[in-house]
Amino acid sequence: MKKVCLLLTLISISVFSQKKFDNIKSEKLGSERRITIGLPASYETSPSKKYPVLYLLDGEYLFDPFSGAVNYGVYWDDLPEMIIIGVHQNNDGERYDDSTIDQNAGLPFEKGAEFFEFIGAELVPYIEKNYRTSPFRIIAGHDITASFINFYLYKDIPLFNGYICLSPELAPKMEIRIPEKFEKVKKPFFYYLSAGDGDIKKIKEPIEKLDSNIKIANNPLVNYKYDLFKNSTHYTEVLHSIPSALYHIFEVYKPINSAEFKDKIAVLKSGFADYLDNKYNTMSEVLGVDIPVRMNDFKVVENLILKNNAYDELGKMAEIANVDYPRAMLGEYELGLMYEKMGEPKRASKKYQNASQMEPIGELTRDMMYEKIDEMNTLAKKTK
């Protein structure tokens, strides 16, 4: 039992993020604002790596559940590491002052306008100056702060790429303005909305109207999801929403699973290698996450190429391998396999020979390459 506890402790140290606090001096607010900062476990050991940033309003009580969900997803490689910023708003009712709006215009007003500028003009630049951030930003809030984050959508160029709105108490006209904004979106964008079936009536009805209007707008660039959780209240739905929101936004990041394979890859007639390339390019270009193609994903697609006799696509697989694993034998092996399947043993032998001089990777070893060389040379003699 002691060994198991020690193992779990070591896992926690190696995977979970680092939590610290900071105070931001704000000219917009005329005061300091406390924030909680969660840095990924790899932050110190990977000095060239950049991370998406998740900003949390109501940071005192949302930081830990979001951090826990992120850490769990990172452990299983279903979510990328990210920097988490929790904005403190529950000292003497700050969240209400921060969320002040003009009821007629439905826009931030007085202290609300100051807080709006604090986030966009001070907090985000401060984090991006002092930490290694990718361009992908998410913001989340609950109740009135979930409504407030939508004001950043009203800008010509929205400040954030993803929005997580947990039971928002929507500002006037918001259920109309948000869908109108979505109709004009020209880049991939993420929006998550949730409520509990036992939610407060005056909150729930506008949320349902917003959901209906977003679906009518139906812009394919808007990656939208609405969850209505059964047997949940305005407060308990939050813990249901957090993992659902994160897994929705980072859906493409997950390793290829049986559902993705069955519904998206196996149904293709061709372009299997392109699918794999596009998946990882989307991670980089849309989510700001740069990782090499996972070997399991690579193998899944390679097996499907072989099953469908699409041997020419192994050339594309070699290109992917040479970009992500330039010192490894994977790229040359793929070319060797392509020539072997196309009935060109001499060319295949040469590629396997090249591969044998490079670094082993996964199940590919030098002994395996030597066996392939002998096999191809024997086959070449027989075909003379």
Protein backbone atom coordinates (compact mmCIF):
# COMPACT_ATOMS: atom_id res chain seq x y z
CA MET A 1 0.00 0.00 0.00
CA LYS A 2 2.88 2.37 0.82
CA LYS A 3 4.38 1.72 -2.63
CA VAL A 4 1.08 2.59 -4.29
CA CYS A 5 0.78 5.84 -2.31
CA LEU A 6 4.36 6.75 -3.20
CA LEU A 7 3.67 6.11 -6.89
CA LEU A 8 0.56 8.31 -6.80
CA THR A 9 2.57 11.03 -5.08
CA LEU A 10 5.26 10.90 -7.77
CA ILE A 11 2.60 11.04 -10.50
CA SER A 12 1.05 14.09 -8.85
CA ILE A 13 4.40 15.87 -8.68
CA SER A 14 5.26 15.09 -12.30
CA VAL A 15 1.89 15.89 -13.89
CA PHE A 16 0.06 18.52 -11.88
CA SER A 17 0.54 22.24 -12.36
CA GLN A 18 2.26 24.82 -10.19
CA LYS A 19 -0.01 27.29 -8.39
CA LYS A 20 1.04 30.76 -7.30
CA PHE A 21 -0.42 34.21 -6.67
CA ASP A 22 0.27 37.69 -7.97
CA ASN A 23 -1.10 41.21 -7.59
CA ILE A 24 -1.64 43.31 -10.70
CA LYS A 25 -1.42 47.09 -10.28
CA SER A 26 -4.23 48.46 -12.41
CA GLU A 27 -4.54 52.02 -13.63
CA LYS A 28 -7.98 51.18 -15.04
CA LEU A 29 -9.29 50.00 -11.67
CA GLY A 30 -7.26 52.42 -9.58
CA SER A 31 -6.20 49.54 -7.34
CA GLU A 32 -4.44 46.19 -7.24
CA ARG A 33 -6.19 43.01 -8.31
CA ARG A 34 -5.24 39.58 -6.99
CA ILE A 35 -4.84 36.70 -9.46
CA THR A 36 -4.05 33.01 -9.17
CA ILE A 37 -1.65 31.58 -11.75
CA GLY A 38 -1.41 27.90 -12.62
CA LEU A 39 1.65 26.95 -14.65
CA PRO A 40 1.93 23.57 -16.41
CA ALA A 41 4.21 20.94 -14.90
CA SER A 42 6.51 21.15 -17.94
CA TYR A 43 6.83 24.95 -17.83
CA GLU A 44 10.33 25.01 -16.28
CA THR A 45 11.70 21.98 -18.11
CA SER A 46 10.47 23.02 -21.58
CA PRO A 47 11.78 26.59 -21.96
CA SER A 48 10.85 26.89 -25.64
CA LYS A 49 7.28 25.61 -25.28
CA LYS A 50 4.31 27.98 -25.46
CA TYR A 51 0.92 27.30 -23.90
CA PRO A 52 -2.74 28.26 -24.46
CA VAL A 53 -4.15 30.44 -21.69
CA LEU A 54 -7.41 29.91 -19.81
CA TYR A 55 -8.67 33.05 -18.05
CA LEU A 56 -11.23 32.52 -15.27
CA LEU A 57 -13.47 35.19 -13.83
CA ASP A 58 -14.71 34.29 -10.34
CA GLY A 59 -11.24 32.84 -10.00
CA GLU A 60 -11.44 32.11 -6.28
CA TYR A 61 -13.96 29.31 -6.71
CA LEU A 62 -13.52 28.35 -10.38
CA PHE A 63 -9.74 27.96 -10.38
CA ASP A 64 -9.47 24.66 -8.50
CA PRO A 65 -12.24 22.76 -10.37
CA PHE A 66 -10.91 23.95 -13.74
CA SER A 67 -7.34 23.14 -12.74
CA GLY A 68 -8.36 19.68 -11.58
CA ALA A 69 -10.17 18.95 -14.84
CA VAL A 70 -7.21 20.19 -16.90
CA ASN A 71 -4.72 18.13 -14.90
CA TYR A 72 -6.85 15.02 -15.28
CA GLY A 73 -7.15 15.51 -19.04
CA VAL A 74 -3.42 16.21 -19.37
CA TYR A 75 -2.60 13.01 -17.49
CA TRP A 76 -4.50 10.95 -20.09
CA ASP A 77 -3.26 13.14 -22.97
CA ASP A 78 -6.83 14.18 -23.80
CA LEU A 79 -6.15 17.86 -23.06
CA PRO A 80 -3.04 19.96 -23.70
CA GLU A 81 -1.15 21.65 -20.91
CA MET A 82 -2.23 25.26 -20.46
CA ILE A 83 -1.63 28.29 -18.28
CA ILE A 84 -4.61 29.04 -16.03
CA ILE A 85 -5.29 32.56 -14.72
CA GLY A 86 -7.93 33.05 -12.02
CA VAL A 87 -9.11 36.63 -11.44
CA HIS A 88 -10.19 37.27 -7.85
CA GLN A 89 -13.57 39.03 -7.64
CA ASN A 90 -15.14 38.10 -4.33
CA ASN A 91 -13.63 40.65 -1.98
CA ASP A 92 -16.40 43.00 -0.77
CA GLY A 93 -18.67 42.17 -3.70
CA GLU A 94 -16.18 43.05 -6.45
CA ARG A 95 -17.84 40.71 -8.95
CA TYR A 96 -20.98 42.84 -8.90
CA ASP A 97 -19.06 46.09 -9.37
CA ASP A 98 -16.93 44.45 -12.08
CA SER A 99 -20.08 43.37 -13.91
CA THR A 100 -21.89 46.71 -13.81
CA ILE A 101 -23.82 47.38 -17.01
CA ASP A 102 -26.10 50.03 -18.45
CA GLN A 103 -29.48 48.27 -18.45
CA ASN A 104 -30.72 50.30 -21.41
CA ALA A 105 -27.67 49.89 -23.65
CA GLY A 106 -26.83 46.40 -22.38
CA LEU A 107 -23.10 47.29 -22.22
CA PRO A 108 -20.43 47.63 -19.51
CA PHE A 109 -20.86 50.83 -17.51
CA GLU A 110 -18.79 52.74 -14.94
CA LYS A 111 -16.93 50.14 -12.84
CA GLY A 112 -17.95 47.46 -15.32
CA ALA A 113 -16.34 49.43 -18.16
CA GLU A 114 -13.19 49.84 -16.05
CA PHE A 115 -13.03 46.11 -15.40
CA PHE A 116 -13.62 45.40 -19.09
CA GLU A 117 -10.57 47.53 -19.92
CA PHE A 118 -8.54 45.96 -17.10
CA ILE A 119 -8.90 42.49 -18.62
CA GLY A 120 -8.19 43.50 -22.21
CA ALA A 121 -5.67 46.32 -21.78
CA GLU A 122 -3.81 45.25 -18.64
CA LEU A 123 -4.25 41.64 -17.54
CA VAL A 124 -3.89 39.88 -20.92
CA PRO A 125 -0.84 41.99 -21.96
CA TYR A 126 0.73 41.39 -18.52
CA ILE A 127 0.35 37.61 -18.81
CA GLU A 128 1.63 37.55 -22.39
CA LYS A 129 4.64 39.68 -21.47
CA ASN A 130 5.65 37.58 -18.48
CA TYR A 131 4.76 34.05 -19.56
CA ARG A 132 5.22 31.91 -22.66
CA THR A 133 1.77 31.98 -24.20
CA SER A 134 0.40 30.76 -27.51
CA PRO A 135 -2.14 32.94 -29.37
CA PHE A 136 -5.06 30.75 -28.23
CA ARG A 137 -7.02 32.32 -25.35
CA ILE A 138 -10.11 31.02 -23.54
CA ILE A 139 -12.22 32.87 -20.99
CA ALA A 140 -14.78 31.43 -18.57
CA GLY A 141 -17.23 32.72 -16.01
CA HIS A 142 -20.29 31.80 -13.98
CA ASP A 143 -23.57 33.65 -13.56
CA ILE A 144 -23.04 37.41 -14.05
CA THR A 145 -19.37 36.93 -14.93
CA ALA A 146 -20.37 34.35 -17.56
CA SER A 147 -22.55 37.02 -19.10
CA PHE A 148 -19.78 39.62 -18.85
CA ILE A 149 -17.26 37.63 -20.88
CA ASN A 150 -19.57 37.89 -23.88
CA PHE A 151 -18.84 41.62 -24.17
CA TYR A 152 -15.46 40.69 -25.63
CA LEU A 153 -17.39 39.13 -28.52
CA TYR A 154 -18.78 42.53 -29.43
CA LYS A 155 -15.37 43.79 -30.54
CA ASP A 156 -14.54 43.71 -34.28
CA ILE A 157 -11.76 41.25 -33.46
CA PRO A 158 -12.81 39.23 -30.38
CA LEU A 159 -10.14 39.15 -27.69
CA PHE A 160 -10.63 35.45 -26.95
CA ASN A 161 -10.83 32.37 -29.17
CA GLY A 162 -13.03 30.37 -26.81
CA TYR A 163 -15.81 31.27 -24.36
CA ILE A 164 -17.17 29.09 -21.54
CA CYS A 165 -20.45 30.50 -20.22
CA LEU A 166 -21.73 28.65 -17.15
CA SER A 167 -25.36 29.55 -16.38
CA PRO A 168 -24.94 33.14 -17.57
CA GLU A 169 -27.29 35.83 -16.31
CA LEU A 170 -27.46 37.41 -19.75
CA ALA A 171 -27.31 41.17 -20.18
CA PRO A 172 -30.14 42.87 -22.11
CA LYS A 173 -30.18 42.10 -25.85
CA MET A 174 -27.35 39.57 -25.48
CA GLU A 175 -29.43 36.64 -26.78
CA ILE A 176 -29.77 38.61 -30.03
CA ARG A 177 -26.35 40.26 -30.27
CA ILE A 178 -24.30 37.09 -29.80
CA PRO A 179 -25.90 35.17 -32.71
CA GLU A 180 -25.58 38.27 -34.90
CA LYS A 181 -21.88 38.30 -34.11
CA PHE A 182 -21.58 34.59 -34.89
CA GLU A 183 -22.99 35.13 -38.36
CA LYS A 184 -19.95 37.31 -39.14
CA VAL A 185 -17.25 35.00 -37.73
CA LYS A 186 -14.61 34.20 -40.36
CA LYS A 187 -12.17 32.13 -38.31
CA PRO A 188 -12.66 28.97 -36.20
CA PHE A 189 -14.19 29.94 -32.90
CA PHE A 190 -15.39 28.06 -29.78
CA TYR A 191 -18.43 28.78 -27.66
CA TYR A 192 -19.77 26.67 -24.78
CA LEU A 193 -23.04 27.38 -22.98
CA SER A 194 -24.63 25.48 -20.11
CA ALA A 195 -27.44 25.50 -17.58
CA GLY A 196 -29.10 23.15 -15.10
CA ASP A 197 -32.67 21.97 -15.53
CA GLY A 198 -33.26 23.31 -12.02
CA ASP A 199 -31.66 26.65 -12.86
CA ILE A 200 -33.11 30.02 -11.88
CA LYS A 201 -36.05 30.72 -14.20
CA LYS A 202 -35.09 34.30 -15.11
CA ILE A 203 -31.64 32.99 -16.10
CA LYS A 204 -32.72 29.82 -17.87
CA GLU A 205 -35.27 31.31 -20.28
CA PRO A 206 -32.85 33.81 -21.94
CA ILE A 207 -30.23 31.03 -22.17
CA GLU A 208 -32.69 28.84 -24.08
CA LYS A 209 -33.50 31.75 -26.39
CA LEU A 210 -29.79 32.33 -26.98
CA ASP A 211 -29.30 28.64 -27.78
CA SER A 212 -32.14 28.72 -30.29
CA ASN A 213 -30.81 31.85 -32.01
CA ILE A 214 -27.26 30.48 -32.24
CA LYS A 215 -28.55 27.34 -33.93
CA ILE A 216 -30.45 29.46 -36.45
CA ALA A 217 -27.26 31.42 -37.25
CA ASN A 218 -25.59 28.05 -37.98
CA ASN A 219 -22.11 29.25 -38.89
CA PRO A 220 -19.88 26.16 -39.40
CA LEU A 221 -16.85 28.14 -38.15
CA VAL A 222 -18.49 28.47 -34.73
CA ASN A 223 -17.78 25.32 -32.73
CA TYR A 224 -20.81 25.54 -30.46
CA LYS A 225 -22.16 23.30 -27.72
CA TYR A 226 -25.05 23.74 -25.29
CA ASP A 227 -25.52 21.46 -22.29
CA LEU A 228 -28.65 21.35 -20.13
CA PHE A 229 -27.84 19.10 -17.20
CA LYS A 230 -30.59 17.09 -15.56
CA ASN A 231 -31.05 17.13 -11.80
CA SER A 232 -28.72 20.13 -11.56
CA THR A 233 -29.08 23.58 -10.06
CA HIS A 234 -27.54 26.94 -10.90
CA TYR A 235 -24.49 25.91 -8.84
CA THR A 236 -24.17 22.15 -9.20
CA GLU A 237 -24.23 22.30 -13.03
CA VAL A 238 -20.80 23.97 -12.94
CA LEU A 239 -18.95 20.76 -12.06
CA HIS A 240 -20.74 18.95 -14.90
CA SER A 241 -19.94 21.74 -17.35
CA ILE A 242 -16.22 22.20 -16.84
CA PRO A 243 -14.96 18.90 -18.35
CA SER A 244 -17.64 19.02 -21.04
CA ALA A 245 -16.52 22.51 -22.08
CA LEU A 246 -12.81 21.69 -22.10
CA TYR A 247 -13.25 18.46 -24.04
CA HIS A 248 -15.48 20.26 -26.53
CA ILE A 249 -12.95 23.01 -27.22
CA PHE A 250 -9.98 20.63 -27.43
CA GLU A 251 -11.78 17.81 -29.26
CA VAL A 252 -9.25 17.70 -32.10
CA TYR A 253 -6.36 17.42 -29.61
CA LYS A 254 -7.36 13.99 -28.33
CA PRO A 255 -5.55 10.92 -29.70
CA ILE A 256 -7.51 9.06 -32.35
CA ASN A 257 -10.11 6.96 -30.56
CA SER A 258 -12.57 4.36 -31.81
CA ALA A 259 -15.31 6.94 -32.46
CA GLU A 260 -13.06 9.24 -34.48
CA PHE A 261 -11.67 6.28 -36.40
CA LYS A 262 -15.09 4.86 -37.21
CA ASP A 263 -16.94 8.10 -37.97
CA LYS A 264 -14.26 10.25 -39.60
CA ILE A 265 -11.35 8.19 -40.91
CA ALA A 266 -12.55 4.71 -41.85
CA VAL A 267 -15.31 6.20 -43.99
CA LEU A 268 -12.77 7.94 -46.26
CA LYS A 269 -12.06 6.53 -49.71
CA SER A 270 -8.66 8.22 -49.84
CA GLY A 271 -6.76 11.05 -48.16
CA PHE A 272 -5.97 9.12 -44.97
CA ALA A 273 -2.54 10.73 -44.61
CA ASP A 274 -4.04 14.17 -45.31
CA TYR A 275 -6.54 13.62 -42.50
CA LEU A 276 -3.70 12.95 -40.06
CA ASP A 277 -1.75 15.97 -41.29
CA ASN A 278 -4.81 18.23 -41.03
CA LYS A 279 -5.59 17.03 -37.51
CA TYR A 280 -2.19 18.11 -36.20
CA ASN A 281 -2.11 21.29 -38.29
CA THR A 282 -5.44 22.28 -36.74
CA MET A 283 -3.97 21.73 -33.29
CA SER A 284 -1.16 24.12 -34.17
CA GLU A 285 -2.97 26.75 -36.23
CA VAL A 286 -6.27 26.91 -34.33
CA LEU A 287 -5.48 25.75 -30.79
CA GLY A 288 -1.90 27.00 -30.60
CA VAL A 289 -0.67 23.54 -29.56
CA ASP A 290 2.43 22.16 -31.27
CA ILE A 291 3.15 18.48 -30.69
CA PRO A 292 4.62 15.80 -32.96
CA VAL A 293 2.20 13.27 -34.41
CA ARG A 294 1.61 10.60 -31.79
CA MET A 295 3.05 7.24 -32.83
CA ASN A 296 -0.25 5.48 -32.07
CA ASP A 297 -2.11 7.90 -34.36
CA PHE A 298 0.53 7.42 -37.02
CA LYS A 299 0.21 3.63 -36.81
CA VAL A 300 -3.61 3.73 -36.97
CA VAL A 301 -3.50 5.67 -40.24
CA GLU A 302 -0.67 3.59 -41.68
CA ASN A 303 -2.66 0.38 -41.06
CA LEU A 304 -5.71 1.88 -42.77
CA ILE A 305 -3.60 2.90 -45.78
CA LEU A 306 -2.30 -0.66 -46.09
CA LYS A 307 -5.78 -2.13 -45.67
CA ASN A 308 -7.09 0.05 -48.51
CA ASN A 309 -4.06 -0.54 -50.77
CA ALA A 310 -3.51 3.24 -50.92
CA TYR A 311 0.24 2.70 -51.04
CA ASP A 312 1.09 6.04 -52.64
CA GLU A 313 -0.12 7.75 -49.44
CA LEU A 314 2.84 6.24 -47.60
CA GLY A 315 4.91 8.93 -49.32
CA LYS A 316 2.86 11.59 -47.53
CA MET A 317 3.30 9.66 -44.28
CA ALA A 318 7.05 9.81 -44.86
CA GLU A 319 6.85 13.59 -45.23
CA ILE A 320 4.97 13.88 -41.93
CA ALA A 321 7.50 11.61 -40.22
CA ASN A 322 10.49 13.55 -41.52
CA VAL A 323 9.08 16.82 -40.17
CA ASP A 324 8.19 15.52 -36.70
CA TYR A 325 10.94 12.90 -36.28
CA PRO A 326 13.80 14.02 -38.57
CA ARG A 327 16.47 11.86 -36.91
CA ALA A 328 14.35 8.73 -36.67
CA MET A 329 14.06 5.92 -39.22
CA LEU A 330 10.30 6.35 -39.55
CA GLY A 331 10.31 8.44 -42.75
CA GLU A 332 12.71 6.22 -44.66
CA TYR A 333 10.86 3.15 -43.43
CA GLU A 334 7.58 4.51 -44.83
CA LEU A 335 9.20 5.02 -48.22
CA GLY A 336 10.65 1.53 -48.07
CA LEU A 337 7.24 0.13 -47.24
CA MET A 338 5.69 2.08 -50.12
CA TYR A 339 8.15 0.71 -52.67
CA GLU A 340 7.82 -2.79 -51.22
CA LYS A 341 4.03 -2.74 -51.60
CA MET A 342 4.32 -1.30 -55.10
CA GLY A 343 6.54 -4.21 -56.16
CA GLU A 344 9.87 -2.35 -56.33
CA PRO A 345 12.12 -4.38 -53.98
CA LYS A 346 15.43 -2.72 -55.07
CA ARG A 347 14.18 0.76 -54.22
CA ALA A 348 12.60 -0.58 -51.04
CA SER A 349 15.92 -2.17 -49.99
CA LYS A 350 17.72 1.15 -50.44
CA LYS A 351 15.24 2.97 -48.23
CA TYR A 352 15.41 0.29 -45.55
CA GLN A 353 19.21 0.60 -45.72
CA ASN A 354 18.91 4.34 -45.12
CA ALA A 355 16.55 3.71 -42.24
CA SER A 356 18.97 1.29 -40.58
CA GLN A 357 21.46 4.15 -40.17
CA MET A 358 18.99 6.32 -38.29
CA GLU A 359 17.55 6.32 -34.77
CA PRO A 360 15.08 3.55 -33.82
CA ILE A 361 11.56 4.66 -32.95
CA GLY A 362 8.60 2.74 -31.55
CA GLU A 363 8.60 -0.82 -32.88
CA LEU A 364 11.11 0.07 -35.62
CA THR A 365 14.61 -1.26 -34.84
CA ARG A 366 17.84 -1.75 -36.76
CA ASP A 367 17.40 -5.53 -36.61
CA MET A 368 14.01 -5.13 -38.22
CA MET A 369 15.53 -2.99 -41.00
CA TYR A 370 18.26 -5.57 -41.64
CA GLU A 371 15.59 -8.26 -41.95
CA LYS A 372 13.66 -6.10 -44.42
CA ILE A 373 16.84 -5.49 -46.45
CA ASP A 374 17.53 -9.22 -46.73
CA GLU A 375 13.91 -9.89 -47.62
CA MET A 376 13.93 -7.25 -50.38
CA ASN A 377 17.27 -8.39 -51.79
CA THR A 378 16.03 -11.97 -51.97
CA LEU A 379 12.82 -10.84 -53.63
CA ALA A 380 14.78 -8.72 -56.15
CA LYS A 381 16.87 -11.73 -57.20
CA LYS A 382 13.75 -13.83 -57.75
CA THR A 383 12.20 -11.19 -59.99
CA LYS A 384 15.22 -10.84 -62.33
